[in-house]
Protein backbone atom coordinates (compact mmCIF):
# COMPACT_ATOMS: atom_id res chain seq x y z
CA UNK A 1 -2.31 3.70 -22.85
CA UNK A 2 1.28 2.92 -22.00
CA UNK A 3 2.47 -0.67 -21.68
CA UNK A 4 3.89 -1.56 -18.28
CA UNK A 5 7.16 -2.69 -19.82
CA UNK A 6 7.67 0.61 -21.68
CA UNK A 7 6.71 2.61 -18.60
CA UNK A 8 9.14 0.68 -16.41
CA UNK A 9 11.98 1.16 -18.88
CA UNK A 10 11.45 4.92 -18.97
CA UNK A 11 11.24 5.40 -15.22
CA UNK A 12 14.16 3.47 -13.77
CA UNK A 13 14.38 5.61 -10.63
CA UNK A 14 10.87 4.63 -9.56
CA UNK A 15 11.00 1.01 -10.69
CA UNK A 16 9.93 -0.40 -7.32
CA UNK A 17 6.64 1.45 -7.06
CA UNK A 18 5.86 1.18 -10.74
CA UNK A 19 6.58 -2.55 -10.88
CA UNK A 20 4.05 -3.16 -8.12
CA UNK A 21 1.60 -0.84 -9.82
CA UNK A 22 1.98 -2.78 -13.06
CA UNK A 23 1.65 -6.12 -11.27
CA UNK A 24 -1.63 -5.01 -9.77
CA UNK A 25 -2.97 -4.30 -13.24
CA UNK A 26 -1.54 -7.47 -14.83
CA UNK A 27 -5.01 -8.56 -15.88
CA UNK A 28 -5.31 -5.67 -18.32
CA UNK A 29 -1.63 -5.58 -19.27
CA UNK A 30 -1.65 -1.79 -19.48
CA UNK A 31 -1.56 1.22 -17.24
CA UNK A 32 -3.81 4.11 -18.14
CA UNK A 33 -1.74 7.13 -17.25
CA UNK A 34 -0.26 9.96 -19.25
CA UNK A 35 3.22 9.59 -17.77
CA UNK A 36 5.22 8.75 -14.66
CA UNK A 37 4.28 12.10 -13.12
CA UNK A 38 0.62 11.12 -13.20
CA UNK A 39 1.28 7.80 -11.46
CA UNK A 40 3.45 9.46 -8.84
CA UNK A 41 0.67 12.03 -8.21
CA UNK A 42 2.83 14.93 -9.33
CA UNK A 43 -0.03 16.18 -11.54
CA UNK A 44 -2.63 15.92 -8.77
CA UNK A 45 -4.65 18.95 -7.72
CA UNK A 46 -3.00 21.00 -4.97
CA UNK A 47 -3.90 19.55 -1.59
CA UNK A 48 -5.13 16.23 -3.03
CA UNK A 49 -2.14 14.15 -1.94
CA UNK A 50 -1.62 13.95 1.78
CA UNK A 51 1.95 13.52 2.98
CA UNK A 52 2.73 10.20 4.62
CA UNK A 53 4.07 10.35 8.19
CA UNK A 54 7.87 10.55 8.29
CA UNK A 55 8.30 7.16 10.01
CA UNK A 56 6.51 5.44 7.09
CA UNK A 57 7.87 7.38 4.08
CA UNK A 58 10.73 4.97 3.37
CA UNK A 59 8.34 2.00 3.14
CA UNK A 60 5.13 3.17 1.46
CA UNK A 61 4.29 5.46 -1.46
CA UNK A 62 1.04 7.05 -2.64
CA UNK A 63 0.20 6.41 -6.30
CA UNK A 64 -2.52 7.94 -8.48
CA UNK A 65 -4.28 5.24 -10.51
CA UNK A 66 -7.21 5.13 -12.91
CA UNK A 67 -9.47 4.28 -9.98
CA UNK A 68 -8.10 6.78 -7.47
CA UNK A 69 -5.16 6.83 -5.09
CA UNK A 70 -3.45 3.68 -3.88
CA UNK A 71 -0.75 2.77 -1.38
CA UNK A 72 2.11 0.66 -2.68
CA UNK A 73 5.37 -0.64 -1.24
CA UNK A 74 8.64 1.16 -1.75
CA UNK A 75 11.62 0.44 0.45
CA UNK A 76 14.08 3.14 -0.52
CA UNK A 77 15.18 2.21 -4.06
CA UNK A 78 14.85 -1.57 -3.75
CA UNK A 79 12.32 -3.70 -5.63
CA UNK A 80 9.57 -4.69 -3.24
CA UNK A 81 6.28 -6.52 -3.71
CA UNK A 82 3.29 -6.94 -1.45
CA UNK A 83 2.05 -10.50 -2.01
CA UNK A 84 -1.05 -11.91 -0.33
CA UNK A 85 0.09 -14.63 2.11
CA UNK A 86 -0.23 -18.19 0.79
CA UNK A 87 -0.94 -16.96 -2.73
CA UNK A 88 0.98 -15.37 -5.55
CA UNK A 89 -1.43 -12.45 -5.90
CA UNK A 90 0.11 -8.98 -5.73
CA UNK A 91 -1.56 -6.49 -3.42
CA UNK A 92 -2.09 -2.75 -3.80
CA UNK A 93 -4.24 -0.86 -1.28
CA UNK A 94 -6.77 1.26 -3.18
CA UNK A 95 -8.55 4.19 -1.52
CA UNK A 96 -11.63 2.78 -3.28
CA UNK A 97 -11.52 -0.86 -2.08
CA UNK A 98 -14.30 -2.27 -4.25
CA UNK A 99 -12.52 -2.96 -7.56
CA UNK A 100 -11.39 -0.84 -10.46
CA UNK A 101 -14.82 0.41 -11.58
CA UNK A 102 -15.86 3.57 -9.81
CA UNK A 103 -19.53 4.37 -9.17
CA UNK A 104 -21.25 6.54 -11.78
CA UNK A 105 -20.46 10.21 -11.36
CA UNK A 106 -17.35 9.63 -9.23
CA UNK A 107 -14.07 11.02 -10.56
CA UNK A 108 -10.82 9.13 -9.86
CA UNK A 109 -9.22 12.37 -8.61
CA UNK A 110 -11.80 12.46 -5.85
CA UNK A 111 -10.97 8.96 -4.57
CA UNK A 112 -8.00 9.62 -2.37
CA UNK A 113 -6.53 9.28 1.07
CA UNK A 114 -7.51 12.28 3.17
CA UNK A 115 -5.56 11.57 6.36
CA UNK A 116 -2.65 9.48 7.55
CA UNK A 117 -1.43 8.78 11.06
CA UNK A 118 1.39 6.48 12.16
CA UNK A 119 2.96 5.27 15.35
CA UNK A 120 5.34 2.64 16.63
CA UNK A 121 3.56 0.02 18.70
CA UNK A 122 4.80 -0.39 22.28
CA UNK A 123 3.76 -2.44 25.32
CA UNK A 124 0.32 -4.05 25.30
CA UNK A 125 -0.67 -2.76 21.82
CA UNK A 126 2.52 -4.30 20.38
CA UNK A 127 1.79 -7.59 22.18
CA UNK A 128 -1.75 -7.68 20.70
CA UNK A 129 -0.40 -6.85 17.24
CA UNK A 130 2.11 -9.71 17.48
CA UNK A 131 -0.75 -12.07 18.41
CA UNK A 132 -2.60 -10.80 15.33
CA UNK A 133 0.53 -11.70 13.30
CA UNK A 134 0.42 -15.28 14.65
CA UNK A 135 -3.23 -15.61 13.63
CA UNK A 136 -2.74 -13.94 10.23
CA UNK A 137 0.31 -15.96 9.22
CA UNK A 138 -0.67 -19.21 10.95
CA UNK A 139 2.58 -19.73 12.81
CA UNK A 140 4.25 -18.74 16.07
CA UNK A 141 5.50 -15.20 16.27
CA UNK A 142 8.91 -14.64 14.74
CA UNK A 143 11.43 -13.71 17.43
CA UNK A 144 13.19 -11.61 14.81
CA UNK A 145 10.40 -9.00 14.70
CA UNK A 146 12.00 -6.02 16.41
CA UNK A 147 9.39 -3.31 15.76
CA UNK A 148 5.78 -2.95 14.66
CA UNK A 149 4.42 0.24 13.09
CA UNK A 150 0.78 1.09 12.52
CA UNK A 151 -0.31 3.33 9.64
CA UNK A 152 -3.91 4.50 9.54
CA UNK A 153 -5.12 5.69 6.14
CA UNK A 154 -8.53 7.33 5.76
CA UNK A 155 -10.24 7.22 2.38
CA UNK A 156 -12.41 9.98 0.96
CA UNK A 157 -14.85 7.22 -0.01
CA UNK A 158 -17.30 6.90 2.90
CA UNK A 159 -14.52 7.82 5.34
CA UNK A 160 -13.24 4.24 5.34
CA UNK A 161 -10.21 3.80 7.60
CA UNK A 162 -7.59 1.20 6.77
CA UNK A 163 -5.14 0.06 9.46
CA UNK A 164 -1.79 -1.19 8.16
CA UNK A 165 0.58 -3.00 10.51
CA UNK A 166 4.18 -3.24 9.32
CA UNK A 167 6.31 -5.90 11.02
CA UNK A 168 9.99 -4.96 11.01
CA UNK A 169 12.85 -7.44 10.91
CA UNK A 170 16.49 -6.48 10.17
CA UNK A 171 15.51 -2.82 9.88
CA UNK A 172 12.88 -3.21 7.14
CA UNK A 173 9.29 -4.40 6.81
CA UNK A 174 8.95 -8.13 6.19
CA UNK A 175 5.21 -8.60 6.75
CA UNK A 176 2.10 -6.45 6.56
CA UNK A 177 -1.43 -6.91 7.84
CA UNK A 178 -4.09 -4.63 6.38
CA UNK A 179 -7.30 -4.27 8.36
CA UNK A 180 -10.72 -2.82 7.67
CA UNK A 181 -13.38 -2.07 10.29
CA UNK A 182 -11.00 -2.34 13.25
CA UNK A 183 -9.63 -5.65 11.97
CA UNK A 184 -12.98 -7.39 11.57
CA UNK A 185 -11.66 -8.06 8.06
CA UNK A 186 -7.96 -8.36 7.31
CA UNK A 187 -5.46 -9.60 4.77
CA UNK A 188 -1.97 -10.86 5.58
CA UNK A 189 0.78 -9.77 3.20
CA UNK A 190 4.31 -11.09 2.67
CA UNK A 191 6.79 -8.41 1.64
CA UNK A 192 9.10 -9.75 -1.05
CA UNK A 193 12.43 -8.06 -1.78
């Protein structure tokens, strides 16, 4: 096991993604991974890490964790954190959304994202997404939101599809809403730079 602090010191280039990764495992205080290449999925089996759509690649990264793949924030080389709205809890979207313990007989390498799709919201879909922002953040829509992007991420576990809505202000994501089951369940996320 490698301590988060030691891991962060040795991988300065990827400090944003790794800091969030370490925050998400703050309860244990350690990250179980052989090295930075393992966390960044560079040691994954061929074909096991789907490429994120181009319009999302500057804002999100796929990580390989002890409980399968996860999506984490990365805005170019800046430190970024996904924090659950009205709390101080860091957020990391796991392909296996039911905690760190995998079911018996399930290998972490098999818990992954199998498909991604992204689009910029326009017209009526954008209007509905902005209304969802008002409900999720409990305040009137920010007039400074210039764009909204949707990222759909499908998990290999039961084919679960997560919908991520990134709200763009000043050219970078400021807020995120993550939905499950077509937004029957959702979590509102503040993006902290």
